[in-house]
Amino acid sequence: MSSKKDNLYLKDKYFMNLAINLAKNRNNLTGLNPSVGCIIVKNNNIISYGQTGISGRPHAENEAINRCKKKDVKNSTIYITMEPCTHYGKTPPCTKLIVKSKIKKVIYSVNDVDKRTSQKAYSFLKNKKIIVSKGLLESKAKKIYKNYFYHKKNNMPYVVAKIACSNDYFTVSNKKNITNNYSREVSHLLRYQFDSILVSSKTANSDNSKLSCRINGLENFSPRRIIIDKDLKINKKSPVMNDKYKNNTIIFHCSKNKKKINQLKLKGIKLNYITLDRNHNVNLKKVFSKVYSYGIKSIIVEGGKTLTESLLKDKLINEFYLFKSKKNLGRLGKNNIYNLKKKLSYLFKKNKNIETFLDGDKIIKYY
């Protein structure tokens, strides 16, 4: 027979799983703040729930508590996927709101890595005579916060790169697209999940790409565009220079061409002058540090072979997706990346085929 303690643990797991699902649902959409899920339970019934707001506010605890009447939330249990904040930022600390609401018990999964809060909530709440438990489903919740933990510890965005090739590893053909429609839909879904998309001006000019998310209903989540353009060679007629998202475009350059600079500024393009490294290339680490200061915590790189190889050389890529067509291009193909593919196997500890239905195309994830 199961004990009362076992039954209580199973209930706690059930409610925390719901909170984790709420956090997953909004992951990558909460700016520099982590996506937190929160469930409030009283007498074994859910009386409220909350998620971190789009762009990071309100916090999940705040949203859940404010959905309840004061008399209902009193003596309840709150399940939170991450340690509630104890510091004053743009909003008061969630721990203060929890105490004020007279919540009886707090159960959270993982500790925050923000130094202002990390491992402080437990003792603070205990001192306020609140029952506190931590670590429930910790390994499951940690998977949600992989990107957050990285950018918070390193003050750098989490970087994922992708490249598409034929079955015989060519990235350029006489046709516009190498992979099929299904692969391109997945590519747009990846764009939706990242704050920004990074390309070189060469790629932007040759592909004439809009660099936006074009999945119905997700267009407004199109990432900010970052373009590496050392000599400001971006085509003035390019979609990224003229569409409704042009104000969300940042160009890193080292050009002295005042005429081109003024033209781009008049279009609302944000320009950043960046120094070159000893090999006369743009210092990509400085680029990432700068974009992080703009509140960009994640980047999807859709550059060509040259930019990708530079990022791999500097060890600035956290994950890599290789989109591979079922077709061979043979003599019609250009720009072979077989050596790059071998480098991926060397640089990343793990790789796996992503289980998808892509009508012959496949995706290999390196991590």
Protein backbone atom coordinates (compact mmCIF):
# COMPACT_ATOMS: atom_id res chain seq x y z
CA MET A 1 0.00 0.00 0.00
CA SER A 2 1.16 3.46 -0.77
CA SER A 3 1.75 5.75 2.18
CA LYS A 4 0.25 9.18 2.71
CA LYS A 5 3.71 10.63 2.09
CA ASP A 6 3.94 8.83 -1.28
CA ASN A 7 0.54 10.14 -2.33
CA LEU A 8 1.52 13.68 -1.38
CA TYR A 9 4.72 13.37 -3.43
CA LEU A 10 2.77 12.17 -6.47
CA LYS A 11 0.39 15.14 -6.14
CA ASP A 12 3.32 17.53 -5.86
CA LYS A 13 4.86 16.01 -9.00
CA TYR A 14 1.57 16.33 -10.84
CA PHE A 15 1.21 20.04 -10.07
CA MET A 16 4.87 20.79 -10.77
CA ASN A 17 4.58 19.06 -14.15
CA LEU A 18 1.75 21.43 -14.98
CA ALA A 19 3.91 24.39 -13.98
CA ILE A 20 6.77 23.06 -16.15
CA ASN A 21 4.40 22.79 -19.13
CA LEU A 22 3.41 26.44 -18.61
CA ALA A 23 7.09 27.44 -18.59
CA LYS A 24 7.77 25.42 -21.76
CA ASN A 25 4.84 27.06 -23.49
CA ARG A 26 6.40 30.50 -23.20
CA ASN A 27 10.06 29.55 -23.36
CA ASN A 28 12.22 31.84 -25.56
CA LEU A 29 9.55 34.55 -25.55
CA THR A 30 10.35 36.26 -22.23
CA GLY A 31 13.32 38.47 -23.10
CA LEU A 32 16.27 38.27 -20.71
CA ASN A 33 14.04 36.87 -17.96
CA PRO A 34 13.51 33.12 -17.62
CA SER A 35 10.18 31.62 -18.61
CA VAL A 36 8.60 30.54 -15.32
CA GLY A 37 5.44 28.52 -14.80
CA CYS A 38 3.40 28.72 -11.62
CA ILE A 39 0.41 26.84 -10.17
CA ILE A 40 -1.51 27.75 -6.98
CA VAL A 41 -3.33 24.89 -5.24
CA LYS A 42 -5.71 24.83 -2.28
CA ASN A 43 -7.49 21.77 -0.90
CA ASN A 44 -6.04 19.75 -3.81
CA ASN A 45 -7.72 22.06 -6.36
CA ILE A 46 -5.97 24.43 -8.75
CA ILE A 47 -7.20 27.93 -7.98
CA SER A 48 -4.83 29.88 -10.22
CA TYR A 49 -1.88 29.71 -12.59
CA GLY A 50 0.64 32.08 -14.15
CA GLN A 51 3.39 32.38 -16.75
CA THR A 52 6.12 34.94 -17.21
CA GLY A 53 4.73 37.60 -19.53
CA ILE A 54 5.88 38.13 -23.09
CA SER A 55 9.18 40.06 -22.97
CA GLY A 56 9.62 39.16 -19.29
CA ARG A 57 6.86 40.83 -17.25
CA PRO A 58 4.79 40.30 -15.22
CA HIS A 59 6.49 37.46 -13.38
CA ALA A 60 4.56 34.19 -13.19
CA GLU A 61 4.01 34.41 -9.41
CA ASN A 62 2.64 37.92 -9.73
CA GLU A 63 0.24 36.89 -12.48
CA ALA A 64 -1.01 33.83 -10.58
CA ILE A 65 -1.48 35.60 -7.24
CA ASN A 66 -3.26 38.59 -8.77
CA ARG A 67 -5.75 36.26 -10.46
CA CYS A 68 -6.96 35.16 -7.01
CA LYS A 69 -8.98 36.83 -4.35
CA LYS A 70 -6.95 37.44 -1.18
CA LYS A 71 -9.12 35.10 0.89
CA ASP A 72 -8.64 32.29 -1.66
CA VAL A 73 -4.85 32.47 -1.92
CA LYS A 74 -4.38 32.51 1.87
CA ASN A 75 -2.99 29.17 3.20
CA SER A 76 -2.52 27.81 -0.33
CA THR A 77 0.48 26.02 -1.88
CA ILE A 78 2.34 27.58 -4.79
CA TYR A 79 4.36 25.48 -7.26
CA ILE A 80 7.03 27.41 -9.18
CA THR A 81 9.50 26.09 -11.76
CA MET A 82 12.28 28.46 -10.61
CA GLU A 83 13.30 30.00 -7.32
CA PRO A 84 11.17 33.14 -6.78
CA CYS A 85 13.13 36.39 -6.98
CA THR A 86 14.20 38.17 -3.81
CA HIS A 87 15.61 41.37 -5.31
CA TYR A 88 14.10 44.65 -6.42
CA GLY A 89 14.37 45.21 -10.17
CA LYS A 90 11.79 46.85 -12.39
CA THR A 91 9.23 45.14 -10.15
CA PRO A 92 9.23 44.27 -6.41
CA PRO A 93 10.46 40.77 -5.42
CA CYS A 94 8.03 37.88 -5.81
CA THR A 95 9.00 36.53 -2.39
CA LYS A 96 7.61 39.70 -0.81
CA LEU A 97 4.32 39.22 -2.65
CA ILE A 98 4.18 35.56 -1.55
CA VAL A 99 4.61 36.59 2.10
CA LYS A 100 2.05 39.37 1.78
CA SER A 101 -0.47 36.94 0.25
CA LYS A 102 -0.11 34.59 3.26
CA ILE A 103 0.68 31.57 1.10
CA LYS A 104 1.34 28.61 3.40
CA LYS A 105 3.76 26.52 1.32
CA VAL A 106 6.20 27.20 -1.54
CA ILE A 107 7.57 24.41 -3.73
CA TYR A 108 10.05 25.32 -6.46
CA SER A 109 12.16 23.27 -8.81
CA VAL A 110 15.50 24.92 -9.68
CA ASN A 111 17.65 27.64 -8.14
CA ASP A 112 18.04 30.84 -10.11
CA VAL A 113 21.57 31.70 -11.29
CA ASP A 114 20.99 35.46 -11.05
CA LYS A 115 23.39 36.50 -8.27
CA ARG A 116 20.82 38.93 -6.88
CA THR A 117 18.48 36.05 -6.02
CA SER A 118 20.38 32.77 -6.28
CA GLN A 119 19.78 30.50 -3.27
CA LYS A 120 18.31 33.32 -1.17
CA ALA A 121 14.59 32.59 -1.42
CA TYR A 122 14.68 29.41 0.68
CA SER A 123 16.06 31.01 3.84
CA PHE A 124 14.04 34.22 3.34
CA LEU A 125 10.74 32.35 3.15
CA LYS A 126 11.68 30.00 6.01
CA ASN A 127 12.34 33.02 8.22
CA LYS A 128 8.81 34.21 7.40
CA LYS A 129 7.41 30.90 8.77
CA ILE A 130 6.50 29.62 5.30
CA ILE A 131 7.00 25.93 4.50
CA VAL A 132 9.54 25.67 1.67
CA SER A 133 10.64 22.76 -0.51
CA LYS A 134 13.01 22.86 -3.50
CA GLY A 135 14.44 20.51 -6.12
CA LEU A 136 11.19 18.83 -7.24
CA LEU A 137 11.61 17.59 -10.87
CA GLU A 138 14.82 19.59 -11.01
CA SER A 139 16.43 17.73 -13.92
CA LYS A 140 13.28 18.14 -16.02
CA ALA A 141 12.95 21.86 -15.28
CA LYS A 142 16.65 22.51 -15.92
CA LYS A 143 16.19 21.59 -19.58
CA ILE A 144 13.94 24.62 -20.01
CA TYR A 145 16.60 26.95 -18.64
CA LYS A 146 19.62 25.78 -20.63
CA ASN A 147 19.76 29.02 -22.67
CA TYR A 148 18.99 31.20 -19.66
CA PHE A 149 21.71 29.65 -17.51
CA TYR A 150 24.24 30.11 -20.32
CA HIS A 151 23.56 33.76 -21.13
CA LYS A 152 23.24 34.70 -17.47
CA LYS A 153 26.59 33.14 -16.55
CA ASN A 154 28.49 34.34 -19.63
CA ASN A 155 26.82 37.67 -20.49
CA MET A 156 26.64 36.39 -24.05
CA PRO A 157 23.71 35.19 -26.15
CA TYR A 158 23.11 31.48 -26.66
CA VAL A 159 24.03 30.80 -30.28
CA VAL A 160 22.57 28.14 -32.55
CA ALA A 161 23.65 27.85 -36.18
CA LYS A 162 22.02 26.07 -39.09
CA ILE A 163 22.96 25.36 -42.65
CA ALA A 164 21.19 23.50 -45.46
CA CYS A 165 22.93 21.22 -47.92
CA SER A 166 22.28 18.52 -50.49
CA ASN A 167 22.88 14.86 -49.78
CA ASP A 168 26.39 15.30 -51.25
CA TYR A 169 27.02 18.39 -49.05
CA PHE A 170 26.62 21.28 -51.51
CA THR A 171 24.97 24.47 -50.24
CA VAL A 172 24.43 26.23 -53.57
CA SER A 173 22.62 25.04 -56.67
CA ASN A 174 21.08 26.51 -59.82
CA LYS A 175 17.71 26.26 -58.07
CA LYS A 176 16.68 28.65 -55.31
CA ASN A 177 16.07 26.00 -52.66
CA ILE A 178 18.01 22.84 -51.85
CA THR A 179 15.77 21.45 -49.10
CA ASN A 180 12.01 20.97 -49.41
CA ASN A 181 9.01 22.91 -48.07
CA TYR A 182 8.84 20.88 -44.86
CA SER A 183 12.44 21.69 -43.94
CA ARG A 184 11.81 25.37 -44.61
CA GLU A 185 8.78 25.34 -42.31
CA VAL A 186 10.97 23.91 -39.53
CA SER A 187 13.52 26.63 -40.28
CA HIS A 188 10.88 29.31 -39.78
CA LEU A 189 9.82 27.67 -36.53
CA LEU A 190 13.42 27.96 -35.33
CA ARG A 191 13.39 31.66 -36.19
CA TYR A 192 10.32 32.12 -34.02
CA GLN A 193 12.19 30.64 -31.05
CA PHE A 194 15.13 33.08 -31.16
CA ASP A 195 15.52 36.76 -30.32
CA SER A 196 17.62 37.45 -33.39
CA ILE A 197 18.89 36.03 -36.67
CA LEU A 198 22.47 36.57 -37.84
CA VAL A 199 23.70 36.57 -41.44
CA SER A 200 26.45 38.14 -43.50
CA SER A 201 25.59 40.82 -46.07
CA LYS A 202 26.75 38.37 -48.74
CA THR A 203 24.06 35.90 -47.69
CA ALA A 204 21.42 38.63 -47.36
CA ASN A 205 22.20 39.91 -50.86
CA SER A 206 22.42 36.53 -52.61
CA ASP A 207 19.32 35.01 -51.01
CA ASN A 208 17.31 38.26 -51.03
CA SER A 209 15.79 36.87 -47.85
CA LYS A 210 13.31 38.66 -45.59
CA LEU A 211 14.86 36.94 -42.53
CA SER A 212 11.45 36.80 -40.87
CA CYS A 213 9.18 34.12 -39.47
CA ARG A 214 6.52 33.37 -42.05
CA ILE A 215 4.35 30.87 -40.19
CA ASN A 216 0.74 32.00 -39.92
CA GLY A 217 0.11 33.52 -36.50
CA LEU A 218 3.79 33.83 -35.58
CA GLU A 219 4.81 36.68 -37.88
CA ASN A 220 4.97 39.16 -34.99
CA PHE A 221 7.61 36.98 -33.35
CA SER A 222 10.05 37.50 -36.21
CA PRO A 223 13.58 37.87 -34.79
CA ARG A 224 15.69 41.02 -34.87
CA ARG A 225 18.07 40.93 -37.84
CA ILE A 226 21.83 41.18 -37.26
CA ILE A 227 23.96 41.60 -40.37
CA ILE A 228 27.75 41.38 -40.51
CA ASP A 229 28.66 43.83 -43.28
CA LYS A 230 32.27 44.96 -42.96
CA ASP A 231 32.22 47.27 -45.98
CA LEU A 232 28.48 48.11 -46.05
CA LYS A 233 27.80 46.16 -49.21
CA ILE A 234 24.18 45.44 -48.34
CA ASN A 235 21.89 46.04 -51.30
CA LYS A 236 19.73 49.14 -50.72
CA LYS A 237 16.83 47.32 -52.39
CA SER A 238 17.12 44.28 -50.14
CA PRO A 239 13.88 43.33 -48.28
CA VAL A 240 15.63 43.72 -44.93
CA MET A 241 16.33 47.36 -45.79
CA ASN A 242 12.78 48.18 -46.85
CA ASP A 243 10.15 46.01 -45.13
CA LYS A 244 8.12 46.80 -42.01
CA TYR A 245 10.77 45.16 -39.80
CA LYS A 246 13.63 47.38 -41.03
CA ASN A 247 13.82 49.19 -37.68
CA ASN A 248 14.64 45.82 -36.14
CA THR A 249 17.81 45.51 -38.22
CA ILE A 250 21.31 45.98 -36.79
CA ILE A 251 24.37 46.16 -39.03
CA PHE A 252 27.93 45.71 -37.75
CA HIS A 253 30.50 47.35 -40.03
CA CYS A 254 33.85 49.15 -40.17
CA SER A 255 33.14 51.33 -43.20
CA LYS A 256 34.01 55.03 -43.61
CA ASN A 257 31.47 55.48 -46.41
CA LYS A 258 29.52 58.43 -44.99
CA LYS A 259 27.03 58.48 -47.87
CA LYS A 260 26.02 54.84 -47.33
CA ILE A 261 25.97 55.30 -43.55
CA ASN A 262 23.58 58.26 -43.83
CA GLN A 263 21.34 56.40 -46.28
CA LEU A 264 20.99 53.46 -43.92
CA LYS A 265 20.40 55.67 -40.90
CA LEU A 266 17.63 57.50 -42.74
CA LYS A 267 15.93 54.13 -43.26
CA GLY A 268 15.99 53.53 -39.49
CA ILE A 269 18.71 50.87 -39.63
CA LYS A 270 20.82 50.64 -36.46
CA LEU A 271 24.54 50.80 -37.29
CA ASN A 272 27.41 49.66 -35.07
CA TYR A 273 31.02 50.39 -35.92
CA ILE A 274 33.15 47.43 -34.86
CA THR A 275 36.93 47.03 -34.84
CA LEU A 276 38.63 44.26 -36.79
CA ASP A 277 40.74 41.50 -35.31
CA ARG A 278 44.39 40.84 -36.23
CA ASN A 279 43.27 38.99 -39.38
CA HIS A 280 41.19 42.00 -40.52
CA ASN A 281 37.92 40.21 -39.81
CA VAL A 282 35.00 41.44 -37.71
CA ASN A 283 35.50 40.43 -34.07
CA LEU A 284 32.44 38.21 -33.64
CA LYS A 285 32.85 37.85 -29.90
CA LYS A 286 32.59 41.64 -29.57
CA VAL A 287 29.50 41.57 -31.80
CA PHE A 288 27.80 39.04 -29.50
CA SER A 289 28.76 40.99 -26.40
CA LYS A 290 27.27 44.15 -27.92
CA VAL A 291 23.99 42.54 -28.97
CA TYR A 292 23.62 41.06 -25.48
CA SER A 293 23.75 44.61 -24.11
CA TYR A 294 20.69 45.29 -26.30
CA GLY A 295 18.76 42.56 -24.47
CA ILE A 296 19.30 39.87 -27.11
CA LYS A 297 19.79 36.55 -25.33
CA SER A 298 19.65 34.10 -28.25
CA ILE A 299 20.78 34.06 -31.88
CA ILE A 300 20.02 31.75 -34.79
CA VAL A 301 22.81 31.95 -37.37
CA GLU A 302 21.82 31.43 -40.99
CA GLY A 303 25.04 32.60 -42.54
CA GLY A 304 26.94 30.91 -45.32
CA LYS A 305 29.97 28.69 -45.16
CA THR A 306 32.51 31.46 -44.40
CA LEU A 307 30.63 33.02 -41.45
CA THR A 308 29.79 29.58 -40.03
CA GLU A 309 33.42 28.46 -40.21
CA SER A 310 34.54 31.65 -38.45
CA LEU A 311 32.06 31.08 -35.62
CA LEU A 312 33.12 27.45 -35.26
CA LYS A 313 36.78 28.44 -35.21
CA ASP A 314 36.10 30.91 -32.38
CA LYS A 315 33.94 28.31 -30.55
CA LEU A 316 30.97 30.67 -30.45
CA ILE A 317 28.29 28.15 -31.46
CA ASN A 318 26.42 26.23 -28.76
CA GLU A 319 24.32 24.00 -31.03
CA PHE A 320 24.21 23.28 -34.74
CA TYR A 321 21.41 22.04 -37.05
CA LEU A 322 22.41 20.50 -40.37
CA PHE A 323 19.43 20.38 -42.75
CA LYS A 324 20.21 17.72 -45.34
CA SER A 325 18.26 17.14 -48.55
CA LYS A 326 17.75 13.66 -49.98
CA LYS A 327 18.94 14.92 -53.39
CA ASN A 328 22.47 14.80 -54.82
CA LEU A 329 23.55 17.81 -56.87
CA GLY A 330 26.74 16.45 -58.39
CA ARG A 331 28.28 18.79 -60.95
CA LEU A 332 25.39 21.24 -60.51
CA GLY A 333 26.34 21.85 -56.89
CA LYS A 334 28.64 24.53 -55.52
CA ASN A 335 30.20 25.36 -52.16
CA ASN A 336 30.79 21.91 -50.67
CA ILE A 337 30.76 21.73 -46.85
CA TYR A 338 31.86 18.14 -46.31
CA ASN A 339 34.93 19.33 -44.37
CA LEU A 340 32.69 21.57 -42.26
CA LYS A 341 30.50 18.56 -41.51
CA LYS A 342 33.58 16.63 -40.33
CA LYS A 343 34.51 19.57 -38.13
CA LEU A 344 31.07 19.47 -36.51
CA SER A 345 31.60 15.85 -35.51
CA TYR A 346 34.92 16.82 -33.97
CA LEU A 347 33.78 19.95 -32.11
CA PHE A 348 30.49 18.70 -30.65
CA LYS A 349 30.29 15.81 -28.21
CA LYS A 350 26.91 14.56 -29.36
CA ASN A 351 24.74 14.46 -32.46
CA LYS A 352 21.36 12.97 -33.25
CA ASN A 353 18.82 12.80 -36.02
CA ILE A 354 15.76 14.90 -35.20
CA GLU A 355 12.67 12.75 -35.58
CA THR A 356 10.54 14.61 -38.12
CA PHE A 357 8.46 13.89 -41.18
CA LEU A 358 10.27 15.83 -43.87
CA ASP A 359 9.58 13.70 -46.95
CA GLY A 360 13.17 12.52 -47.31
CA ASP A 361 14.99 15.52 -45.88
CA LYS A 362 16.58 15.08 -42.48
CA ILE A 363 17.93 17.25 -39.68
CA ILE A 364 21.04 16.38 -37.68
CA LYS A 365 21.49 18.23 -34.40
CA TYR A 366 25.01 18.70 -32.99
CA TYR A 367 25.27 19.70 -29.33
